[in-house]
């Protein structure tokens, strides 16, 4: 648990990490009845349903000219009000090394309150 999670009153924090984007799709399907926000590469989307967010993620990934290696991290927690929340981060690395590359991409997905 980080200090920020402690200050914000988050409980039952579960971190998951996986190669590829299958973790993101499974997590979005778990929270199917919720609305999401997506901070993509070009645009930001607010108030999307589970199916719409999956379409927008696929559109963002199909618009890439470079083949990336994707890593997905998901953080599930219960907020101060007792509502389950999730934060998903999809990171695409252009190189095989773990160094910074200006071609690397990142997308963030969060549930709306």
PDB file of N, CA and C in Angstrom:
ATOM      1  N   UNK A   1       0.848  -1.172   0.000  1.00  0.00           N
ATOM      2  CA  UNK A   1       0.000   0.000   0.000  1.00  0.00           C
ATOM      3  C   UNK A   1       0.894   1.235   0.000  1.00  0.00           C
ATOM      4  N   UNK A   2       0.593   2.161  -0.893  1.00  0.00           N
ATOM      5  CA  UNK A   2       1.380   3.383  -0.959  1.00  0.00           C
ATOM      6  C   UNK A   2       0.784   4.435  -0.024  1.00  0.00           C
ATOM      7  N   UNK A   3       1.526   5.483   0.190  1.00  0.00           N
ATOM      8  CA  UNK A   3       1.085   6.549   1.082  1.00  0.00           C
ATOM      9  C   UNK A   3      -0.120   7.284   0.496  1.00  0.00           C
ATOM     10  N   UNK A   4      -0.193   7.380  -0.819  1.00  0.00           N
ATOM     11  CA  UNK A   4      -1.327   8.054  -1.464  1.00  0.00           C
ATOM     12  C   UNK A   4      -2.608   7.245  -1.253  1.00  0.00           C
ATOM     13  N   UNK A   5      -2.501   5.923  -1.345  1.00  0.00           N
ATOM     14  CA  UNK A   5      -3.662   5.076  -1.092  1.00  0.00           C
ATOM     15  C   UNK A   5      -4.130   5.204   0.349  1.00  0.00           C
ATOM     16  N   UNK A   6      -3.203   5.328   1.264  1.00  0.00           N
ATOM     17  CA  UNK A   6      -3.544   5.490   2.668  1.00  0.00           C
ATOM     18  C   UNK A   6      -4.246   6.820   2.912  1.00  0.00           C
ATOM     19  N   UNK A   7      -3.758   7.884   2.298  1.00  0.00           N
ATOM     20  CA  UNK A   7      -4.361   9.208   2.467  1.00  0.00           C
ATOM     21  C   UNK A   7      -5.769   9.252   1.862  1.00  0.00           C
ATOM     22  N   UNK A   8      -5.940   8.637   0.697  1.00  0.00           N
ATOM     23  CA  UNK A   8      -7.247   8.646   0.026  1.00  0.00           C
ATOM     24  C   UNK A   8      -8.231   7.655   0.624  1.00  0.00           C
ATOM     25  N   UNK A   9      -7.808   6.842   1.563  1.00  0.00           N
ATOM     26  CA  UNK A   9      -8.703   5.911   2.252  1.00  0.00           C
ATOM     27  C   UNK A   9      -9.062   4.684   1.441  1.00  0.00           C
ATOM     28  N   UNK A  10      -8.175   4.249   0.576  1.00  0.00           N
ATOM     29  CA  UNK A  10      -8.441   3.066  -0.249  1.00  0.00           C
ATOM     30  C   UNK A  10      -8.155   1.797   0.544  1.00  0.00           C
ATOM     31  N   UNK A  11      -8.988   0.780   0.305  1.00  0.00           N
ATOM     32  CA  UNK A  11      -8.830  -0.490   1.013  1.00  0.00           C
ATOM     33  C   UNK A  11      -8.893  -1.617   0.000  1.00  0.00           C
ATOM     34  N   UNK A  12      -8.487  -2.810   0.423  1.00  0.00           N
ATOM     35  CA  UNK A  12      -8.526  -4.029  -0.395  1.00  0.00           C
ATOM     36  C   UNK A  12      -7.855  -3.816  -1.747  1.00  0.00           C
ATOM     37  N   UNK A  13      -6.652  -3.325  -1.745  1.00  0.00           N
ATOM     38  CA  UNK A  13      -5.932  -2.992  -2.970  1.00  0.00           C
ATOM     39  C   UNK A  13      -5.295  -4.258  -3.536  1.00  0.00           C
ATOM     40  N   UNK A  14      -5.548  -4.496  -4.844  1.00  0.00           N
ATOM     41  CA  UNK A  14      -4.996  -5.656  -5.540  1.00  0.00           C
ATOM     42  C   UNK A  14      -4.309  -5.153  -6.805  1.00  0.00           C
ATOM     43  N   UNK A  15      -3.020  -5.458  -6.941  1.00  0.00           N
ATOM     44  CA  UNK A  15      -2.258  -5.107  -8.134  1.00  0.00           C
ATOM     45  C   UNK A  15      -2.105  -6.352  -9.001  1.00  0.00           C
ATOM     46  N   UNK A  16      -2.263  -6.185 -10.321  1.00  0.00           N
ATOM     47  CA  UNK A  16      -2.041  -7.274 -11.261  1.00  0.00           C
ATOM     48  C   UNK A  16      -1.252  -6.725 -12.433  1.00  0.00           C
ATOM     49  N   UNK A  17      -0.400  -7.569 -12.998  1.00  0.00           N
ATOM     50  CA  UNK A  17       0.380  -7.175 -14.168  1.00  0.00           C
ATOM     51  C   UNK A  17       0.438  -8.350 -15.125  1.00  0.00           C
ATOM     52  N   UNK A  18       0.372  -8.040 -16.427  1.00  0.00           N
ATOM     53  CA  UNK A  18       0.348  -9.091 -17.426  1.00  0.00           C
ATOM     54  C   UNK A  18       0.915  -8.564 -18.736  1.00  0.00           C
ATOM     55  N   UNK A  19       1.460  -9.477 -19.545  1.00  0.00           N
ATOM     56  CA  UNK A  19       1.874  -9.123 -20.899  1.00  0.00           C
ATOM     57  C   UNK A  19       0.646  -9.156 -21.796  1.00  0.00           C
ATOM     58  N   UNK A  20       0.598  -8.275 -22.764  1.00  0.00           N
ATOM     59  CA  UNK A  20      -0.541  -8.195 -23.667  1.00  0.00           C
ATOM     60  C   UNK A  20      -1.656  -7.363 -23.067  1.00  0.00           C
ATOM     61  N   UNK A  21      -2.807  -7.354 -23.743  1.00  0.00           N
ATOM     62  CA  UNK A  21      -3.924  -6.541 -23.275  1.00  0.00           C
ATOM     63  C   UNK A  21      -5.092  -7.386 -22.760  1.00  0.00           C
ATOM     64  N   UNK A  22      -4.884  -8.684 -22.593  1.00  0.00           N
ATOM     65  CA  UNK A  22      -5.980  -9.535 -22.132  1.00  0.00           C
ATOM     66  C   UNK A  22      -6.417  -9.193 -20.711  1.00  0.00           C
ATOM     67  N   UNK A  23      -5.492  -8.770 -19.858  1.00  0.00           N
ATOM     68  CA  UNK A  23      -5.851  -8.368 -18.496  1.00  0.00           C
ATOM     69  C   UNK A  23      -6.790  -7.173 -18.532  1.00  0.00           C
ATOM     70  N   UNK A  24      -6.556  -6.246 -19.441  1.00  0.00           N
ATOM     71  CA  UNK A  24      -7.422  -5.071 -19.555  1.00  0.00           C
ATOM     72  C   UNK A  24      -8.828  -5.469 -19.978  1.00  0.00           C
ATOM     73  N   UNK A  25      -8.944  -6.366 -20.945  1.00  0.00           N
ATOM     74  CA  UNK A  25     -10.271  -6.774 -21.404  1.00  0.00           C
ATOM     75  C   UNK A  25     -11.030  -7.546 -20.327  1.00  0.00           C
ATOM     76  N   UNK A  26     -10.339  -8.409 -19.590  1.00  0.00           N
ATOM     77  CA  UNK A  26     -10.995  -9.168 -18.524  1.00  0.00           C
ATOM     78  C   UNK A  26     -11.451  -8.241 -17.396  1.00  0.00           C
ATOM     79  N   UNK A  27     -10.617  -7.262 -17.053  1.00  0.00           N
ATOM     80  CA  UNK A  27     -10.961  -6.339 -15.979  1.00  0.00           C
ATOM     81  C   UNK A  27     -12.129  -5.451 -16.380  1.00  0.00           C
ATOM     82  N   UNK A  28     -12.149  -4.989 -17.625  1.00  0.00           N
ATOM     83  CA  UNK A  28     -13.263  -4.166 -18.098  1.00  0.00           C
ATOM     84  C   UNK A  28     -14.549  -4.978 -18.111  1.00  0.00           C
ATOM     85  N   UNK A  29     -14.458  -6.249 -18.469  1.00  0.00           N
ATOM     86  CA  UNK A  29     -15.653  -7.104 -18.458  1.00  0.00           C
ATOM     87  C   UNK A  29     -16.156  -7.373 -17.047  1.00  0.00           C
ATOM     88  N   UNK A  30     -15.268  -7.360 -16.046  1.00  0.00           N
ATOM     89  CA  UNK A  30     -15.696  -7.508 -14.659  1.00  0.00           C
ATOM     90  C   UNK A  30     -16.523  -6.309 -14.207  1.00  0.00           C
ATOM     91  N   UNK A  31     -16.150  -5.114 -14.662  1.00  0.00           N
ATOM     92  CA  UNK A  31     -16.831  -3.880 -14.302  1.00  0.00           C
ATOM     93  C   UNK A  31     -17.738  -3.436 -15.460  1.00  0.00           C
ATOM     94  N   UNK A  32     -18.466  -4.361 -16.047  1.00  0.00           N
ATOM     95  CA  UNK A  32     -19.233  -4.124 -17.269  1.00  0.00           C
ATOM     96  C   UNK A  32     -20.329  -3.069 -17.097  1.00  0.00           C
ATOM     97  N   UNK A  33     -20.951  -3.006 -15.930  1.00  0.00           N
ATOM     98  CA  UNK A  33     -22.062  -2.080 -15.732  1.00  0.00           C
ATOM     99  C   UNK A  33     -21.613  -0.671 -15.345  1.00  0.00           C
ATOM    100  N   UNK A  34     -20.313  -0.422 -15.255  1.00  0.00           N
ATOM    101  CA  UNK A  34     -19.788   0.882 -14.869  1.00  0.00           C
ATOM    102  C   UNK A  34     -19.407   1.696 -16.095  1.00  0.00           C
ATOM    103  N   UNK A  35     -19.181   2.987 -15.902  1.00  0.00           N
ATOM    104  CA  UNK A  35     -18.695   3.844 -16.978  1.00  0.00           C
ATOM    105  C   UNK A  35     -17.219   4.115 -16.760  1.00  0.00           C
ATOM    106  N   UNK A  36     -16.494   4.341 -17.862  1.00  0.00           N
ATOM    107  CA  UNK A  36     -15.048   4.481 -17.828  1.00  0.00           C
ATOM    108  C   UNK A  36     -14.612   5.778 -18.475  1.00  0.00           C
ATOM    109  N   UNK A  37     -13.391   6.189 -18.139  1.00  0.00           N
ATOM    110  CA  UNK A  37     -12.712   7.257 -18.852  1.00  0.00           C
ATOM    111  C   UNK A  37     -11.462   6.661 -19.476  1.00  0.00           C
ATOM    112  N   UNK A  38     -11.112   7.137 -20.649  1.00  0.00           N
ATOM    113  CA  UNK A  38      -9.943   6.637 -21.370  1.00  0.00           C
ATOM    114  C   UNK A  38      -9.080   7.813 -21.774  1.00  0.00           C
ATOM    115  N   UNK A  39      -7.838   7.798 -21.338  1.00  0.00           N
ATOM    116  CA  UNK A  39      -6.863   8.775 -21.790  1.00  0.00           C
ATOM    117  C   UNK A  39      -6.001   8.055 -22.811  1.00  0.00           C
ATOM    118  N   UNK A  40      -6.343   8.235 -24.077  1.00  0.00           N
ATOM    119  CA  UNK A  40      -5.655   7.547 -25.160  1.00  0.00           C
ATOM    120  C   UNK A  40      -4.467   8.339 -25.664  1.00  0.00           C
ATOM    121  N   UNK A  41      -4.013   7.966 -26.827  1.00  0.00           N
ATOM    122  CA  UNK A  41      -2.856   8.618 -27.421  1.00  0.00           C
ATOM    123  C   UNK A  41      -3.215   9.968 -28.017  1.00  0.00           C
ATOM    124  N   UNK A  42      -4.375  10.036 -28.647  1.00  0.00           N
ATOM    125  CA  UNK A  42      -4.776  11.260 -29.319  1.00  0.00           C
ATOM    126  C   UNK A  42      -5.920  11.965 -28.605  1.00  0.00           C
ATOM    127  N   UNK A  43      -6.868  11.220 -28.105  1.00  0.00           N
ATOM    128  CA  UNK A  43      -8.082  11.787 -27.538  1.00  0.00           C
ATOM    129  C   UNK A  43      -8.327  11.283 -26.132  1.00  0.00           C
ATOM    130  N   UNK A  44      -9.212  11.996 -25.434  1.00  0.00           N
ATOM    131  CA  UNK A  44      -9.703  11.555 -24.137  1.00  0.00           C
ATOM    132  C   UNK A  44     -11.200  11.316 -24.260  1.00  0.00           C
ATOM    133  N   UNK A  45     -11.654  10.230 -23.684  1.00  0.00           N
ATOM    134  CA  UNK A  45     -13.060   9.860 -23.750  1.00  0.00           C
ATOM    135  C   UNK A  45     -13.594   9.743 -22.331  1.00  0.00           C
ATOM    136  N   UNK A  46     -14.814  10.243 -22.123  1.00  0.00           N
ATOM    137  CA  UNK A  46     -15.434  10.226 -20.805  1.00  0.00           C
ATOM    138  C   UNK A  46     -16.796   9.559 -20.888  1.00  0.00           C
ATOM    139  N   UNK A  47     -17.171   8.820 -19.864  1.00  0.00           N
ATOM    140  CA  UNK A  47     -18.498   8.242 -19.764  1.00  0.00           C
ATOM    141  C   UNK A  47     -18.783   7.128 -20.748  1.00  0.00           C
ATOM    142  N   UNK A  48     -17.793   6.290 -21.040  1.00  0.00           N
ATOM    143  CA  UNK A  48     -17.982   5.196 -21.986  1.00  0.00           C
ATOM    144  C   UNK A  48     -18.392   3.918 -21.255  1.00  0.00           C
ATOM    145  N   UNK A  49     -19.236   3.134 -21.900  1.00  0.00           N
ATOM    146  CA  UNK A  49     -19.613   1.836 -21.342  1.00  0.00           C
ATOM    147  C   UNK A  49     -18.488   0.830 -21.613  1.00  0.00           C
ATOM    148  N   UNK A  50     -18.638  -0.372 -21.093  1.00  0.00           N
ATOM    149  CA  UNK A  50     -17.611  -1.399 -21.253  1.00  0.00           C
ATOM    150  C   UNK A  50     -17.354  -1.773 -22.699  1.00  0.00           C
ATOM    151  N   UNK A  51     -18.410  -1.956 -23.483  1.00  0.00           N
ATOM    152  CA  UNK A  51     -18.241  -2.329 -24.894  1.00  0.00           C
ATOM    153  C   UNK A  51     -17.644  -1.180 -25.701  1.00  0.00           C
ATOM    154  N   UNK A  52     -18.074   0.055 -25.401  1.00  0.00           N
ATOM    155  CA  UNK A  52     -17.536   1.210 -26.125  1.00  0.00           C
ATOM    156  C   UNK A  52     -16.055   1.408 -25.841  1.00  0.00           C
ATOM    157  N   UNK A  53     -15.652   1.189 -24.610  1.00  0.00           N
ATOM    158  CA  UNK A  53     -14.239   1.390 -24.269  1.00  0.00           C
ATOM    159  C   UNK A  53     -13.372   0.352 -24.955  1.00  0.00           C
ATOM    160  N   UNK A  54     -13.869  -0.872 -25.082  1.00  0.00           N
ATOM    161  CA  UNK A  54     -13.101  -1.901 -25.790  1.00  0.00           C
ATOM    162  C   UNK A  54     -12.943  -1.547 -27.263  1.00  0.00           C
ATOM    163  N   UNK A  55     -13.993  -0.973 -27.871  1.00  0.00           N
ATOM    164  CA  UNK A  55     -13.889  -0.532 -29.266  1.00  0.00           C
ATOM    165  C   UNK A  55     -12.873   0.589 -29.429  1.00  0.00           C
ATOM    166  N   UNK A  56     -12.880   1.560 -28.509  1.00  0.00           N
ATOM    167  CA  UNK A  56     -11.942   2.675 -28.598  1.00  0.00           C
ATOM    168  C   UNK A  56     -10.497   2.225 -28.367  1.00  0.00           C
ATOM    169  N   UNK A  57     -10.302   1.272 -27.471  1.00  0.00           N
ATOM    170  CA  UNK A  57      -8.952   0.737 -27.261  1.00  0.00           C
ATOM    171  C   UNK A  57      -8.465   0.042 -28.523  1.00  0.00           C
ATOM    172  N   UNK A  58      -9.316  -0.759 -29.136  1.00  0.00           N
ATOM    173  CA  UNK A  58      -8.934  -1.451 -30.364  1.00  0.00           C
ATOM    174  C   UNK A  58      -8.636  -0.462 -31.486  1.00  0.00           C
ATOM    175  N   UNK A  59      -9.428   0.607 -31.595  1.00  0.00           N
ATOM    176  CA  UNK A  59      -9.171   1.626 -32.612  1.00  0.00           C
ATOM    177  C   UNK A  59      -7.836   2.324 -32.376  1.00  0.00           C
ATOM    178  N   UNK A  60      -7.531   2.624 -31.100  1.00  0.00           N
ATOM    179  CA  UNK A  60      -6.255   3.269 -30.777  1.00  0.00           C
ATOM    180  C   UNK A  60      -5.083   2.348 -31.122  1.00  0.00           C
ATOM    181  N   UNK A  61      -5.212   1.059 -30.817  1.00  0.00           N
ATOM    182  CA  UNK A  61      -4.115   0.135 -31.081  1.00  0.00           C
ATOM    183  C   UNK A  61      -3.965  -0.147 -32.570  1.00  0.00           C
ATOM    184  N   UNK A  62      -5.071  -0.156 -33.317  1.00  0.00           N
ATOM    185  CA  UNK A  62      -4.991  -0.391 -34.761  1.00  0.00           C
ATOM    186  C   UNK A  62      -4.408   0.791 -35.519  1.00  0.00           C
ATOM    187  N   UNK A  63      -4.460   1.983 -34.935  1.00  0.00           N
ATOM    188  CA  UNK A  63      -3.959   3.165 -35.626  1.00  0.00           C
ATOM    189  C   UNK A  63      -2.431   3.304 -35.528  1.00  0.00           C
ATOM    190  N   UNK A  64      -1.773   2.407 -34.815  1.00  0.00           N
ATOM    191  CA  UNK A  64      -0.321   2.469 -34.655  1.00  0.00           C
ATOM    192  C   UNK A  64       0.392   1.974 -35.911  1.00  0.00           C
ATOM    193  N   UNK A  65       1.481   2.617 -36.241  1.00  0.00           N
ATOM    194  CA  UNK A  65       2.291   2.193 -37.378  1.00  0.00           C
ATOM    195  C   UNK A  65       3.403   1.242 -36.966  1.00  0.00           C
ATOM    196  N   UNK A  66       3.718   1.233 -35.687  1.00  0.00           N
ATOM    197  CA  UNK A  66       4.809   0.420 -35.152  1.00  0.00           C
ATOM    198  C   UNK A  66       4.219  -0.748 -34.376  1.00  0.00           C
ATOM    199  N   UNK A  67       4.858  -1.881 -34.427  1.00  0.00           N
ATOM    200  CA  UNK A  67       4.443  -3.038 -33.645  1.00  0.00           C
ATOM    201  C   UNK A  67       5.019  -2.905 -32.238  1.00  0.00           C
ATOM    202  N   UNK A  68       4.151  -2.888 -31.250  1.00  0.00           N
ATOM    203  CA  UNK A  68       4.552  -2.687 -29.858  1.00  0.00           C
ATOM    204  C   UNK A  68       4.434  -3.978 -29.070  1.00  0.00           C
ATOM    205  N   UNK A  69       5.180  -4.030 -27.974  1.00  0.00           N
ATOM    206  CA  UNK A  69       5.054  -5.082 -26.967  1.00  0.00           C
ATOM    207  C   UNK A  69       4.291  -4.455 -25.806  1.00  0.00           C
ATOM    208  N   UNK A  70       3.081  -4.950 -25.526  1.00  0.00           N
ATOM    209  CA  UNK A  70       2.199  -4.327 -24.540  1.00  0.00           C
ATOM    210  C   UNK A  70       2.309  -4.996 -23.182  1.00  0.00           C
ATOM    211  N   UNK A  71       2.285  -4.166 -22.152  1.00  0.00           N
ATOM    212  CA  UNK A  71       2.240  -4.610 -20.770  1.00  0.00           C
ATOM    213  C   UNK A  71       1.072  -3.905 -20.104  1.00  0.00           C
ATOM    214  N   UNK A  72       0.240  -4.659 -19.408  1.00  0.00           N
ATOM    215  CA  UNK A  72      -0.946  -4.102 -18.759  1.00  0.00           C
ATOM    216  C   UNK A  72      -0.808  -4.250 -17.253  1.00  0.00           C
ATOM    217  N   UNK A  73      -1.087  -3.171 -16.534  1.00  0.00           N
ATOM    218  CA  UNK A  73      -1.149  -3.217 -15.078  1.00  0.00           C
ATOM    219  C   UNK A  73      -2.536  -2.770 -14.649  1.00  0.00           C
ATOM    220  N   UNK A  74      -3.096  -3.470 -13.677  1.00  0.00           N
ATOM    221  CA  UNK A  74      -4.428  -3.145 -13.165  1.00  0.00           C
ATOM    222  C   UNK A  74      -4.355  -3.016 -11.653  1.00  0.00           C
ATOM    223  N   UNK A  75      -5.042  -2.017 -11.150  1.00  0.00           N
ATOM    224  CA  UNK A  75      -5.104  -1.781  -9.712  1.00  0.00           C
ATOM    225  C   UNK A  75      -6.573  -1.706  -9.322  1.00  0.00           C
ATOM    226  N   UNK A  76      -7.038  -2.722  -8.593  1.00  0.00           N
ATOM    227  CA  UNK A  76      -8.418  -2.762  -8.114  1.00  0.00           C
ATOM    228  C   UNK A  76      -8.406  -2.399  -6.636  1.00  0.00           C
ATOM    229  N   UNK A  77      -9.374  -1.576  -6.232  1.00  0.00           N
ATOM    230  CA  UNK A  77      -9.445  -1.177  -4.834  1.00  0.00           C
ATOM    231  C   UNK A  77     -10.867  -0.769  -4.482  1.00  0.00           C
ATOM    232  N   UNK A  78     -11.102  -0.620  -3.201  1.00  0.00           N
ATOM    233  CA  UNK A  78     -12.369  -0.119  -2.688  1.00  0.00           C
ATOM    234  C   UNK A  78     -12.104   1.265  -2.136  1.00  0.00           C
ATOM    235  N   UNK A  79     -12.866   2.255  -2.606  1.00  0.00           N
ATOM    236  CA  UNK A  79     -12.615   3.618  -2.161  1.00  0.00           C
ATOM    237  C   UNK A  79     -13.230   3.875  -0.790  1.00  0.00           C
ATOM    238  N   UNK A  80     -13.137   5.095  -0.356  1.00  0.00           N
ATOM    239  CA  UNK A  80     -13.588   5.478   0.974  1.00  0.00           C
ATOM    240  C   UNK A  80     -15.084   5.244   1.174  1.00  0.00           C
ATOM    241  N   UNK A  81     -15.858   5.348   0.088  1.00  0.00           N
ATOM    242  CA  UNK A  81     -17.313   5.173   0.170  1.00  0.00           C
ATOM    243  C   UNK A  81     -17.737   3.717   0.041  1.00  0.00           C
ATOM    244  N   UNK A  82     -16.789   2.794  -0.181  1.00  0.00           N
ATOM    245  CA  UNK A  82     -17.102   1.384  -0.293  1.00  0.00           C
ATOM    246  C   UNK A  82     -17.442   0.934  -1.698  1.00  0.00           C
ATOM    247  N   UNK A  83     -17.106   1.730  -2.701  1.00  0.00           N
ATOM    248  CA  UNK A  83     -17.393   1.399  -4.098  1.00  0.00           C
ATOM    249  C   UNK A  83     -16.122   0.846  -4.744  1.00  0.00           C
ATOM    250  N   UNK A  84     -16.255  -0.248  -5.471  1.00  0.00           N
ATOM    251  CA  UNK A  84     -15.106  -0.854  -6.149  1.00  0.00           C
ATOM    252  C   UNK A  84     -14.685   0.013  -7.325  1.00  0.00           C
ATOM    253  N   UNK A  85     -13.395   0.247  -7.446  1.00  0.00           N
ATOM    254  CA  UNK A  85     -12.829   1.055  -8.517  1.00  0.00           C
ATOM    255  C   UNK A  85     -11.681   0.274  -9.157  1.00  0.00           C
ATOM    256  N   UNK A  86     -11.301   0.698 -10.365  1.00  0.00           N
ATOM    257  CA  UNK A  86     -10.179   0.067 -11.053  1.00  0.00           C
ATOM    258  C   UNK A  86      -9.433   1.137 -11.854  1.00  0.00           C
ATOM    259  N   UNK A  87      -8.123   0.998 -11.896  1.00  0.00           N
ATOM    260  CA  UNK A  87      -7.266   1.818 -12.734  1.00  0.00           C
ATOM    261  C   UNK A  87      -6.410   0.872 -13.572  1.00  0.00           C
ATOM    262  N   UNK A  88      -6.475   1.028 -14.887  1.00  0.00           N
ATOM    263  CA  UNK A  88      -5.740   0.166 -15.806  1.00  0.00           C
ATOM    264  C   UNK A  88      -4.782   1.025 -16.609  1.00  0.00           C
ATOM    265  N   UNK A  89      -3.559   0.551 -16.749  1.00  0.00           N
ATOM    266  CA  UNK A  89      -2.563   1.256 -17.547  1.00  0.00           C
ATOM    267  C   UNK A  89      -1.994   0.283 -18.573  1.00  0.00           C
ATOM    268  N   UNK A  90      -2.082   0.658 -19.847  1.00  0.00           N
ATOM    269  CA  UNK A  90      -1.529  -0.144 -20.933  1.00  0.00           C
ATOM    270  C   UNK A  90      -0.317   0.606 -21.472  1.00  0.00           C
ATOM    271  N   UNK A  91       0.836  -0.036 -21.412  1.00  0.00           N
ATOM    272  CA  UNK A  91       2.086   0.570 -21.866  1.00  0.00           C
ATOM    273  C   UNK A  91       2.602  -0.233 -23.045  1.00  0.00           C
ATOM    274  N   UNK A  92       2.905   0.463 -24.134  1.00  0.00           N
ATOM    275  CA  UNK A  92       3.457  -0.175 -25.322  1.00  0.00           C
ATOM    276  C   UNK A  92       4.906   0.223 -25.502  1.00  0.00           C
ATOM    277  N   UNK A  93       5.795  -0.761 -25.521  1.00  0.00           N
ATOM    278  CA  UNK A  93       7.228  -0.505 -25.707  1.00  0.00           C
ATOM    279  C   UNK A  93       7.612  -0.813 -27.143  1.00  0.00           C
ATOM    280  N   UNK A  94       8.306   0.125 -27.764  1.00  0.00           N
ATOM    281  CA  UNK A  94       8.726  -0.066 -29.146  1.00  0.00           C
ATOM    282  C   UNK A  94      10.012  -0.882 -29.223  1.00  0.00           C
ATOM    283  N   UNK A  95      10.838  -0.798 -28.195  1.00  0.00           N
ATOM    284  CA  UNK A  95      12.107  -1.525 -28.215  1.00  0.00           C
ATOM    285  C   UNK A  95      12.022  -2.747 -27.316  1.00  0.00           C
ATOM    286  N   UNK A  96      12.956  -3.648 -27.491  1.00  0.00           N
ATOM    287  CA  UNK A  96      12.984  -4.847 -26.659  1.00  0.00           C
ATOM    288  C   UNK A  96      13.708  -4.608 -25.344  1.00  0.00           C
ATOM    289  N   UNK A  97      14.437  -3.519 -25.234  1.00  0.00           N
ATOM    290  CA  UNK A  97      15.146  -3.201 -23.997  1.00  0.00           C
ATOM    291  C   UNK A  97      14.231  -2.388 -23.084  1.00  0.00           C
ATOM    292  N   UNK A  98      14.558  -2.350 -21.819  1.00  0.00           N
ATOM    293  CA  UNK A  98      13.751  -1.634 -20.845  1.00  0.00           C
ATOM    294  C   UNK A  98      14.200  -0.189 -20.669  1.00  0.00           C
ATOM    295  N   UNK A  99      14.701   0.394 -21.723  1.00  0.00           N
ATOM    296  CA  UNK A  99      15.116   1.784 -21.666  1.00  0.00           C
ATOM    297  C   UNK A  99      14.004   2.673 -22.204  1.00  0.00           C
ATOM    298  N   UNK A 100      14.132   3.959 -21.936  1.00  0.00           N
ATOM    299  CA  UNK A 100      13.165   4.922 -22.451  1.00  0.00           C
ATOM    300  C   UNK A 100      13.337   5.064 -23.954  1.00  0.00           C
ATOM    301  N   UNK A 101      12.229   5.111 -24.644  1.00  0.00           N
ATOM    302  CA  UNK A 101      12.214   5.365 -26.074  1.00  0.00           C
ATOM    303  C   UNK A 101      11.139   6.412 -26.341  1.00  0.00           C
ATOM    304  N   UNK A 102      11.404   7.380 -27.191  1.00  0.00           N
ATOM    305  CA  UNK A 102      10.364   8.391 -27.472  1.00  0.00           C
ATOM    306  C   UNK A 102       9.171   7.810 -28.232  1.00  0.00           C
ATOM    307  N   UNK A 103       9.273   6.593 -28.710  1.00  0.00           N
ATOM    308  CA  UNK A 103       8.178   5.958 -29.436  1.00  0.00           C
ATOM    309  C   UNK A 103       7.243   5.163 -28.525  1.00  0.00           C
ATOM    310  N   UNK A 104       7.576   5.030 -27.240  1.00  0.00           N
ATOM    311  CA  UNK A 104       6.734   4.297 -26.303  1.00  0.00           C
ATOM    312  C   UNK A 104       5.394   5.023 -26.120  1.00  0.00           C
ATOM    313  N   UNK A 105       4.334   4.241 -25.899  1.00  0.00           N
ATOM    314  CA  UNK A 105       3.001   4.809 -25.720  1.00  0.00           C
ATOM    315  C   UNK A 105       2.422   4.365 -24.389  1.00  0.00           C
ATOM    316  N   UNK A 106       1.386   5.086 -23.943  1.00  0.00           N
ATOM    317  CA  UNK A 106       0.743   4.758 -22.675  1.00  0.00           C
ATOM    318  C   UNK A 106      -0.723   5.180 -22.736  1.00  0.00           C
ATOM    319  N   UNK A 107      -1.607   4.299 -22.283  1.00  0.00           N
ATOM    320  CA  UNK A 107      -3.035   4.602 -22.188  1.00  0.00           C
ATOM    321  C   UNK A 107      -3.503   4.309 -20.770  1.00  0.00           C
ATOM    322  N   UNK A 108      -4.368   5.160 -20.260  1.00  0.00           N
ATOM    323  CA  UNK A 108      -4.904   4.987 -18.906  1.00  0.00           C
ATOM    324  C   UNK A 108      -6.412   4.861 -18.968  1.00  0.00           C
ATOM    325  N   UNK A 109      -6.948   3.889 -18.223  1.00  0.00           N
ATOM    326  CA  UNK A 109      -8.380   3.642 -18.157  1.00  0.00           C
ATOM    327  C   UNK A 109      -8.760   3.643 -16.677  1.00  0.00           C
ATOM    328  N   UNK A 110      -9.817   4.385 -16.346  1.00  0.00           N
ATOM    329  CA  UNK A 110     -10.288   4.443 -14.961  1.00  0.00           C
ATOM    330  C   UNK A 110     -11.808   4.365 -14.941  1.00  0.00           C
ATOM    331  N   UNK A 111     -12.344   3.844 -13.855  1.00  0.00           N
ATOM    332  CA  UNK A 111     -13.792   3.865 -13.675  1.00  0.00           C
ATOM    333  C   UNK A 111     -14.184   5.250 -13.209  1.00  0.00           C
ATOM    334  N   UNK A 112     -15.380   5.659 -13.620  1.00  0.00           N
ATOM    335  CA  UNK A 112     -15.905   6.957 -13.180  1.00  0.00           C
ATOM    336  C   UNK A 112     -16.627   6.777 -11.860  1.00  0.00           C
ATOM    337  N   UNK A 113     -16.646   7.800 -11.085  1.00  0.00           N
ATOM    338  CA  UNK A 113     -17.355   7.778  -9.806  1.00  0.00           C
ATOM    339  C   UNK A 113     -18.840   7.784 -10.025  1.00  0.00           C
TER     340      UNK A 113
END
